[in-house]
Amino acid sequence: MKYTQYFLYVSERSDRKIIKEKWIKQVVENPMREEIQTDGRIRKWGKIEEYGGRILRVVLLEDGETIHNAFFDRSFKEKDS
């Protein structure tokens, strides 16, 4: 996987070190929701059962490959169907 310098810097924070690469890959490959931001970046969300079912948000650059950010999204709300 490719990462931005921002991701590499932020992933050193204590609250981000718990995020495993396999979780990021899981969300990128099988998101429960996906949105494109106005700047072209791609947001993907996925449930991480190994971590209490919490929702991980992964933000990719426009290329759809480079990881820009990943964090547990406390404000995630499932959309009504």
PDB file of N, CA and C in Angstrom:
ATOM      1  N   MET A   1       0.854  -1.188   0.000  1.00  0.00           N
ATOM      2  CA  MET A   1       0.000   0.000   0.000  1.00  0.00           C
ATOM      3  C   MET A   1       0.891   1.239   0.000  1.00  0.00           C
ATOM      4  N   LYS A   2       0.360   2.298  -0.611  1.00  0.00           N
ATOM      5  CA  LYS A   2       1.073   3.570  -0.673  1.00  0.00           C
ATOM      6  C   LYS A   2       0.462   4.513   0.368  1.00  0.00           C
ATOM      7  N   TYR A   3       1.309   5.385   0.928  1.00  0.00           N
ATOM      8  CA  TYR A   3       0.875   6.304   1.970  1.00  0.00           C
ATOM      9  C   TYR A   3       1.404   7.707   1.688  1.00  0.00           C
ATOM     10  N   THR A   4       0.625   8.717   2.093  1.00  0.00           N
ATOM     11  CA  THR A   4       1.123  10.094   2.031  1.00  0.00           C
ATOM     12  C   THR A   4       2.047  10.338   3.223  1.00  0.00           C
ATOM     13  N   GLN A   5       2.852  11.380   3.121  1.00  0.00           N
ATOM     14  CA  GLN A   5       3.710  11.766   4.244  1.00  0.00           C
ATOM     15  C   GLN A   5       2.851  12.151   5.444  1.00  0.00           C
ATOM     16  N   TYR A   6       1.708  12.778   5.173  1.00  0.00           N
ATOM     17  CA  TYR A   6       0.793  13.142   6.258  1.00  0.00           C
ATOM     18  C   TYR A   6       0.355  11.895   7.025  1.00  0.00           C
ATOM     19  N   PHE A   7      -0.054  10.847   6.299  1.00  0.00           N
ATOM     20  CA  PHE A   7      -0.473   9.617   6.967  1.00  0.00           C
ATOM     21  C   PHE A   7       0.659   9.057   7.820  1.00  0.00           C
ATOM     22  N   LEU A   8       1.860   8.988   7.272  1.00  0.00           N
ATOM     23  CA  LEU A   8       2.995   8.431   8.012  1.00  0.00           C
ATOM     24  C   LEU A   8       3.269   9.229   9.282  1.00  0.00           C
ATOM     25  N   TYR A   9       3.121  10.544   9.204  1.00  0.00           N
ATOM     26  CA  TYR A   9       3.325  11.402  10.376  1.00  0.00           C
ATOM     27  C   TYR A   9       2.231  11.178  11.422  1.00  0.00           C
ATOM     28  N   VAL A  10       0.975  11.233  11.001  1.00  0.00           N
ATOM     29  CA  VAL A  10      -0.155  11.124  11.925  1.00  0.00           C
ATOM     30  C   VAL A  10      -0.259   9.720  12.514  1.00  0.00           C
ATOM     31  N   SER A  11       0.139   8.707  11.769  1.00  0.00           N
ATOM     32  CA  SER A  11       0.025   7.331  12.264  1.00  0.00           C
ATOM     33  C   SER A  11       0.960   7.054  13.441  1.00  0.00           C
ATOM     34  N   GLU A  12       1.851   7.977  13.735  1.00  0.00           N
ATOM     35  CA  GLU A  12       2.731   7.831  14.903  1.00  0.00           C
ATOM     36  C   GLU A  12       2.068   8.289  16.204  1.00  0.00           C
ATOM     37  N   ARG A  13       0.925   8.944  16.099  1.00  0.00           N
ATOM     38  CA  ARG A  13       0.204   9.371  17.307  1.00  0.00           C
ATOM     39  C   ARG A  13      -0.271   8.143  18.073  1.00  0.00           C
ATOM     40  N   SER A  14      -0.325   8.247  19.380  1.00  0.00           N
ATOM     41  CA  SER A  14      -0.700   7.098  20.210  1.00  0.00           C
ATOM     42  C   SER A  14      -2.099   6.579  19.905  1.00  0.00           C
ATOM     43  N   ASP A  15      -3.028   7.468  19.551  1.00  0.00           N
ATOM     44  CA  ASP A  15      -4.389   7.030  19.252  1.00  0.00           C
ATOM     45  C   ASP A  15      -4.511   6.414  17.856  1.00  0.00           C
ATOM     46  N   ARG A  16      -3.479   6.525  17.042  1.00  0.00           N
ATOM     47  CA  ARG A  16      -3.517   5.960  15.695  1.00  0.00           C
ATOM     48  C   ARG A  16      -2.658   4.698  15.568  1.00  0.00           C
ATOM     49  N   LYS A  17      -1.714   4.512  16.490  1.00  0.00           N
ATOM     50  CA  LYS A  17      -0.827   3.345  16.418  1.00  0.00           C
ATOM     51  C   LYS A  17      -1.579   2.031  16.553  1.00  0.00           C
ATOM     52  N   ILE A  18      -2.764   2.074  17.125  1.00  0.00           N
ATOM     53  CA  ILE A  18      -3.561   0.857  17.313  1.00  0.00           C
ATOM     54  C   ILE A  18      -4.177   0.352  16.015  1.00  0.00           C
ATOM     55  N   ILE A  19      -4.206   1.193  14.981  1.00  0.00           N
ATOM     56  CA  ILE A  19      -4.830   0.827  13.711  1.00  0.00           C
ATOM     57  C   ILE A  19      -3.884  -0.062  12.919  1.00  0.00           C
ATOM     58  N   LYS A  20      -4.349  -1.264  12.638  1.00  0.00           N
ATOM     59  CA  LYS A  20      -3.529  -2.242  11.927  1.00  0.00           C
ATOM     60  C   LYS A  20      -3.655  -2.067  10.415  1.00  0.00           C
ATOM     61  N   GLU A  21      -2.558  -2.348   9.715  1.00  0.00           N
ATOM     62  CA  GLU A  21      -2.555  -2.242   8.263  1.00  0.00           C
ATOM     63  C   GLU A  21      -3.609  -3.158   7.641  1.00  0.00           C
ATOM     64  N   LYS A  22      -3.798  -4.337   8.233  1.00  0.00           N
ATOM     65  CA  LYS A  22      -4.793  -5.265   7.672  1.00  0.00           C
ATOM     66  C   LYS A  22      -6.205  -4.701   7.789  1.00  0.00           C
ATOM     67  N   TRP A  23      -6.477  -3.875   8.812  1.00  0.00           N
ATOM     68  CA  TRP A  23      -7.790  -3.250   8.942  1.00  0.00           C
ATOM     69  C   TRP A  23      -7.988  -2.212   7.841  1.00  0.00           C
ATOM     70  N   ILE A  24      -6.938  -1.437   7.576  1.00  0.00           N
ATOM     71  CA  ILE A  24      -7.014  -0.435   6.517  1.00  0.00           C
ATOM     72  C   ILE A  24      -7.289  -1.127   5.186  1.00  0.00           C
ATOM     73  N   LYS A  25      -6.553  -2.178   4.910  1.00  0.00           N
ATOM     74  CA  LYS A  25      -6.732  -2.928   3.664  1.00  0.00           C
ATOM     75  C   LYS A  25      -8.146  -3.495   3.562  1.00  0.00           C
ATOM     76  N   GLN A  26      -8.655  -4.010   4.672  1.00  0.00           N
ATOM     77  CA  GLN A  26     -10.015  -4.565   4.715  1.00  0.00           C
ATOM     78  C   GLN A  26     -11.045  -3.510   4.313  1.00  0.00           C
ATOM     79  N   VAL A  27     -10.909  -2.305   4.862  1.00  0.00           N
ATOM     80  CA  VAL A  27     -11.863  -1.228   4.566  1.00  0.00           C
ATOM     81  C   VAL A  27     -11.731  -0.772   3.113  1.00  0.00           C
ATOM     82  N   VAL A  28     -10.509  -0.655   2.626  1.00  0.00           N
ATOM     83  CA  VAL A  28     -10.293  -0.225   1.242  1.00  0.00           C
ATOM     84  C   VAL A  28     -10.907  -1.229   0.267  1.00  0.00           C
ATOM     85  N   GLU A  29     -10.725  -2.509   0.547  1.00  0.00           N
ATOM     86  CA  GLU A  29     -11.191  -3.541  -0.378  1.00  0.00           C
ATOM     87  C   GLU A  29     -12.681  -3.861  -0.240  1.00  0.00           C
ATOM     88  N   ASN A  30     -13.237  -3.697   0.954  1.00  0.00           N
ATOM     89  CA  ASN A  30     -14.645  -4.053   1.194  1.00  0.00           C
ATOM     90  C   ASN A  30     -15.343  -3.028   2.088  1.00  0.00           C
ATOM     91  N   PRO A  31     -15.504  -1.800   1.600  1.00  0.00           N
ATOM     92  CA  PRO A  31     -16.136  -0.779   2.435  1.00  0.00           C
ATOM     93  C   PRO A  31     -17.635  -1.019   2.597  1.00  0.00           C
ATOM     94  N   MET A  32     -18.157  -0.584   3.749  1.00  0.00           N
ATOM     95  CA  MET A  32     -19.606  -0.618   3.943  1.00  0.00           C
ATOM     96  C   MET A  32     -20.248   0.642   3.369  1.00  0.00           C
ATOM     97  N   ARG A  33     -19.449   1.677   3.188  1.00  0.00           N
ATOM     98  CA  ARG A  33     -19.900   2.918   2.559  1.00  0.00           C
ATOM     99  C   ARG A  33     -18.693   3.588   1.905  1.00  0.00           C
ATOM    100  N   GLU A  34     -18.962   4.304   0.832  1.00  0.00           N
ATOM    101  CA  GLU A  34     -17.907   5.017   0.119  1.00  0.00           C
ATOM    102  C   GLU A  34     -18.475   6.333  -0.388  1.00  0.00           C
ATOM    103  N   GLU A  35     -17.690   7.413  -0.248  1.00  0.00           N
ATOM    104  CA  GLU A  35     -18.101   8.727  -0.742  1.00  0.00           C
ATOM    105  C   GLU A  35     -16.897   9.422  -1.352  1.00  0.00           C
ATOM    106  N   ILE A  36     -17.158  10.271  -2.332  1.00  0.00           N
ATOM    107  CA  ILE A  36     -16.098  11.086  -2.913  1.00  0.00           C
ATOM    108  C   ILE A  36     -16.269  12.506  -2.393  1.00  0.00           C
ATOM    109  N   GLN A  37     -15.191  13.037  -1.818  1.00  0.00           N
ATOM    110  CA  GLN A  37     -15.213  14.396  -1.293  1.00  0.00           C
ATOM    111  C   GLN A  37     -15.149  15.392  -2.455  1.00  0.00           C
ATOM    112  N   THR A  38     -15.452  16.653  -2.173  1.00  0.00           N
ATOM    113  CA  THR A  38     -15.417  17.683  -3.212  1.00  0.00           C
ATOM    114  C   THR A  38     -14.005  17.880  -3.770  1.00  0.00           C
ATOM    115  N   ASP A  39     -12.977  17.544  -2.993  1.00  0.00           N
ATOM    116  CA  ASP A  39     -11.592  17.680  -3.469  1.00  0.00           C
ATOM    117  C   ASP A  39     -11.121  16.433  -4.223  1.00  0.00           C
ATOM    118  N   GLY A  40     -12.008  15.448  -4.402  1.00  0.00           N
ATOM    119  CA  GLY A  40     -11.672  14.244  -5.146  1.00  0.00           C
ATOM    120  C   GLY A  40     -11.175  13.087  -4.309  1.00  0.00           C
ATOM    121  N   ARG A  41     -10.868  13.363  -3.052  1.00  0.00           N
ATOM    122  CA  ARG A  41     -10.436  12.266  -2.180  1.00  0.00           C
ATOM    123  C   ARG A  41     -11.608  11.326  -1.921  1.00  0.00           C
ATOM    124  N   ILE A  42     -11.271  10.090  -1.603  1.00  0.00           N
ATOM    125  CA  ILE A  42     -12.281   9.045  -1.443  1.00  0.00           C
ATOM    126  C   ILE A  42     -12.331   8.614   0.014  1.00  0.00           C
ATOM    127  N   ARG A  43     -13.517   8.681   0.597  1.00  0.00           N
ATOM    128  CA  ARG A  43     -13.723   8.211   1.968  1.00  0.00           C
ATOM    129  C   ARG A  43     -14.340   6.824   1.929  1.00  0.00           C
ATOM    130  N   LYS A  44     -13.820   5.927   2.758  1.00  0.00           N
ATOM    131  CA  LYS A  44     -14.389   4.591   2.866  1.00  0.00           C
ATOM    132  C   LYS A  44     -14.510   4.256   4.347  1.00  0.00           C
ATOM    133  N   TRP A  45     -15.610   3.591   4.697  1.00  0.00           N
ATOM    134  CA  TRP A  45     -15.854   3.187   6.067  1.00  0.00           C
ATOM    135  C   TRP A  45     -16.032   1.676   6.133  1.00  0.00           C
ATOM    136  N   GLY A  46     -15.589   1.100   7.254  1.00  0.00           N
ATOM    137  CA  GLY A  46     -15.800  -0.322   7.465  1.00  0.00           C
ATOM    138  C   GLY A  46     -15.818  -0.644   8.946  1.00  0.00           C
ATOM    139  N   LYS A  47     -16.544  -1.690   9.292  1.00  0.00           N
ATOM    140  CA  LYS A  47     -16.656  -2.118  10.686  1.00  0.00           C
ATOM    141  C   LYS A  47     -15.500  -3.064  10.999  1.00  0.00           C
ATOM    142  N   ILE A  48     -14.815  -2.806  12.111  1.00  0.00           N
ATOM    143  CA  ILE A  48     -13.695  -3.636  12.541  1.00  0.00           C
ATOM    144  C   ILE A  48     -14.158  -4.465  13.741  1.00  0.00           C
ATOM    145  N   GLU A  49     -14.580  -5.675  13.459  1.00  0.00           N
ATOM    146  CA  GLU A  49     -15.099  -6.555  14.513  1.00  0.00           C
ATOM    147  C   GLU A  49     -14.051  -6.830  15.584  1.00  0.00           C
ATOM    148  N   GLU A  50     -12.790  -6.963  15.169  1.00  0.00           N
ATOM    149  CA  GLU A  50     -11.690  -7.228  16.112  1.00  0.00           C
ATOM    150  C   GLU A  50     -11.512  -6.106  17.124  1.00  0.00           C
ATOM    151  N   TYR A  51     -12.045  -4.945  16.827  1.00  0.00           N
ATOM    152  CA  TYR A  51     -11.886  -3.794  17.714  1.00  0.00           C
ATOM    153  C   TYR A  51     -13.252  -3.324  18.200  1.00  0.00           C
ATOM    154  N   GLY A  52     -14.063  -4.271  18.633  1.00  0.00           N
ATOM    155  CA  GLY A  52     -15.346  -3.948  19.238  1.00  0.00           C
ATOM    156  C   GLY A  52     -16.405  -3.474  18.260  1.00  0.00           C
ATOM    157  N   GLY A  53     -16.222  -3.763  16.980  1.00  0.00           N
ATOM    158  CA  GLY A  53     -17.207  -3.338  15.990  1.00  0.00           C
ATOM    159  C   GLY A  53     -17.155  -1.856  15.655  1.00  0.00           C
ATOM    160  N   ARG A  54     -16.080  -1.196  16.061  1.00  0.00           N
ATOM    161  CA  ARG A  54     -15.961   0.238  15.773  1.00  0.00           C
ATOM    162  C   ARG A  54     -15.766   0.466  14.280  1.00  0.00           C
ATOM    163  N   ILE A  55     -16.110   1.663  13.835  1.00  0.00           N
ATOM    164  CA  ILE A  55     -16.062   2.019  12.416  1.00  0.00           C
ATOM    165  C   ILE A  55     -14.754   2.746  12.107  1.00  0.00           C
ATOM    166  N   LEU A  56     -14.016   2.196  11.149  1.00  0.00           N
ATOM    167  CA  LEU A  56     -12.773   2.803  10.701  1.00  0.00           C
ATOM    168  C   LEU A  56     -13.038   3.565   9.405  1.00  0.00           C
ATOM    169  N   ARG A  57     -12.629   4.832   9.378  1.00  0.00           N
ATOM    170  CA  ARG A  57     -12.717   5.624   8.141  1.00  0.00           C
ATOM    171  C   ARG A  57     -11.317   5.689   7.540  1.00  0.00           C
ATOM    172  N   VAL A  58     -11.239   5.402   6.257  1.00  0.00           N
ATOM    173  CA  VAL A  58      -9.987   5.499   5.512  1.00  0.00           C
ATOM    174  C   VAL A  58     -10.204   6.519   4.396  1.00  0.00           C
ATOM    175  N   VAL A  59      -9.268   7.455   4.266  1.00  0.00           N
ATOM    176  CA  VAL A  59      -9.343   8.466   3.228  1.00  0.00           C
ATOM    177  C   VAL A  59      -8.203   8.218   2.245  1.00  0.00           C
ATOM    178  N   LEU A  60      -8.583   8.063   0.977  1.00  0.00           N
ATOM    179  CA  LEU A  60      -7.617   7.829  -0.094  1.00  0.00           C
ATOM    180  C   LEU A  60      -7.489   9.071  -0.959  1.00  0.00           C
ATOM    181  N   LEU A  61      -6.331   9.236  -1.576  1.00  0.00           N
ATOM    182  CA  LEU A  61      -6.194  10.297  -2.564  1.00  0.00           C
ATOM    183  C   LEU A  61      -7.011   9.950  -3.798  1.00  0.00           C
ATOM    184  N   GLU A  62      -7.083  10.881  -4.723  1.00  0.00           N
ATOM    185  CA  GLU A  62      -7.886  10.731  -5.926  1.00  0.00           C
ATOM    186  C   GLU A  62      -7.504   9.498  -6.734  1.00  0.00           C
ATOM    187  N   ASP A  63      -6.266   9.018  -6.579  1.00  0.00           N
ATOM    188  CA  ASP A  63      -5.814   7.855  -7.354  1.00  0.00           C
ATOM    189  C   ASP A  63      -6.468   6.551  -6.885  1.00  0.00           C
ATOM    190  N   GLY A  64      -7.152   6.598  -5.738  1.00  0.00           N
ATOM    191  CA  GLY A  64      -7.831   5.420  -5.218  1.00  0.00           C
ATOM    192  C   GLY A  64      -6.909   4.391  -4.600  1.00  0.00           C
ATOM    193  N   GLU A  65      -5.625   4.714  -4.479  1.00  0.00           N
ATOM    194  CA  GLU A  65      -4.634   3.781  -3.949  1.00  0.00           C
ATOM    195  C   GLU A  65      -3.885   4.306  -2.726  1.00  0.00           C
ATOM    196  N   THR A  66      -3.582   5.592  -2.736  1.00  0.00           N
ATOM    197  CA  THR A  66      -2.722   6.165  -1.701  1.00  0.00           C
ATOM    198  C   THR A  66      -3.530   6.526  -0.460  1.00  0.00           C
ATOM    199  N   ILE A  67      -3.123   5.957   0.679  1.00  0.00           N
ATOM    200  CA  ILE A  67      -3.799   6.209   1.951  1.00  0.00           C
ATOM    201  C   ILE A  67      -3.357   7.571   2.481  1.00  0.00           C
ATOM    202  N   HIS A  68      -4.333   8.439   2.742  1.00  0.00           N
ATOM    203  CA  HIS A  68      -4.047   9.771   3.278  1.00  0.00           C
ATOM    204  C   HIS A  68      -4.366   9.867   4.768  1.00  0.00           C
ATOM    205  N   ASN A  69      -5.369   9.107   5.226  1.00  0.00           N
ATOM    206  CA  ASN A  69      -5.765   9.178   6.625  1.00  0.00           C
ATOM    207  C   ASN A  69      -6.539   7.911   6.983  1.00  0.00           C
ATOM    208  N   ALA A  70      -6.498   7.548   8.246  1.00  0.00           N
ATOM    209  CA  ALA A  70      -7.282   6.423   8.759  1.00  0.00           C
ATOM    210  C   ALA A  70      -7.495   6.657  10.248  1.00  0.00           C
ATOM    211  N   PHE A  71      -8.766   6.569  10.667  1.00  0.00           N
ATOM    212  CA  PHE A  71      -9.082   6.804  12.079  1.00  0.00           C
ATOM    213  C   PHE A  71     -10.439   6.191  12.402  1.00  0.00           C
ATOM    214  N   PHE A  72     -10.644   5.912  13.684  1.00  0.00           N
ATOM    215  CA  PHE A  72     -11.939   5.409  14.115  1.00  0.00           C
ATOM    216  C   PHE A  72     -12.899   6.588  14.176  1.00  0.00           C
ATOM    217  N   ASP A  73     -13.988   6.461  13.449  1.00  0.00           N
ATOM    218  CA  ASP A  73     -14.931   7.549  13.228  1.00  0.00           C
ATOM    219  C   ASP A  73     -16.060   7.483  14.257  1.00  0.00           C
ATOM    220  N   ARG A  74     -15.931   8.281  15.300  1.00  0.00           N
ATOM    221  CA  ARG A  74     -16.936   8.294  16.369  1.00  0.00           C
ATOM    222  C   ARG A  74     -18.238   8.953  15.943  1.00  0.00           C
ATOM    223  N   SER A  75     -18.199   9.719  14.865  1.00  0.00           N
ATOM    224  CA  SER A  75     -19.419  10.424  14.433  1.00  0.00           C
ATOM    225  C   SER A  75     -20.139   9.693  13.308  1.00  0.00           C
ATOM    226  N   PHE A  76     -19.718   8.487  12.954  1.00  0.00           N
ATOM    227  CA  PHE A  76     -20.337   7.743  11.855  1.00  0.00           C
ATOM    228  C   PHE A  76     -21.780   7.402  12.173  1.00  0.00           C
ATOM    229  N   LYS A  77     -22.655   7.676  11.220  1.00  0.00           N
ATOM    230  CA  LYS A  77     -24.066   7.330  11.336  1.00  0.00           C
ATOM    231  C   LYS A  77     -24.450   6.567  10.081  1.00  0.00           C
ATOM    232  N   GLU A  78     -25.123   5.444  10.262  1.00  0.00           N
ATOM    233  CA  GLU A  78     -25.589   4.692   9.101  1.00  0.00           C
ATOM    234  C   GLU A  78     -26.720   5.451   8.453  1.00  0.00           C
ATOM    235  N   LYS A  79     -26.696   5.497   7.132  1.00  0.00           N
ATOM    236  CA  LYS A  79     -27.756   6.187   6.396  1.00  0.00           C
ATOM    237  C   LYS A  79     -29.011   5.331   6.413  1.00  0.00           C
ATOM    238  N   ASP A  80     -30.147   5.996   6.399  1.00  0.00           N
ATOM    239  CA  ASP A  80     -31.423   5.273   6.291  1.00  0.00           C
ATOM    240  C   ASP A  80     -31.528   4.709   4.881  1.00  0.00           C
ATOM    241  N   SER A  81     -32.021   3.502   4.782  1.00  0.00           N
ATOM    242  CA  SER A  81     -32.173   2.863   3.476  1.00  0.00           C
ATOM    243  C   SER A  81     -33.478   3.267   2.822  1.00  0.00           C
TER     244      SER A  81
END
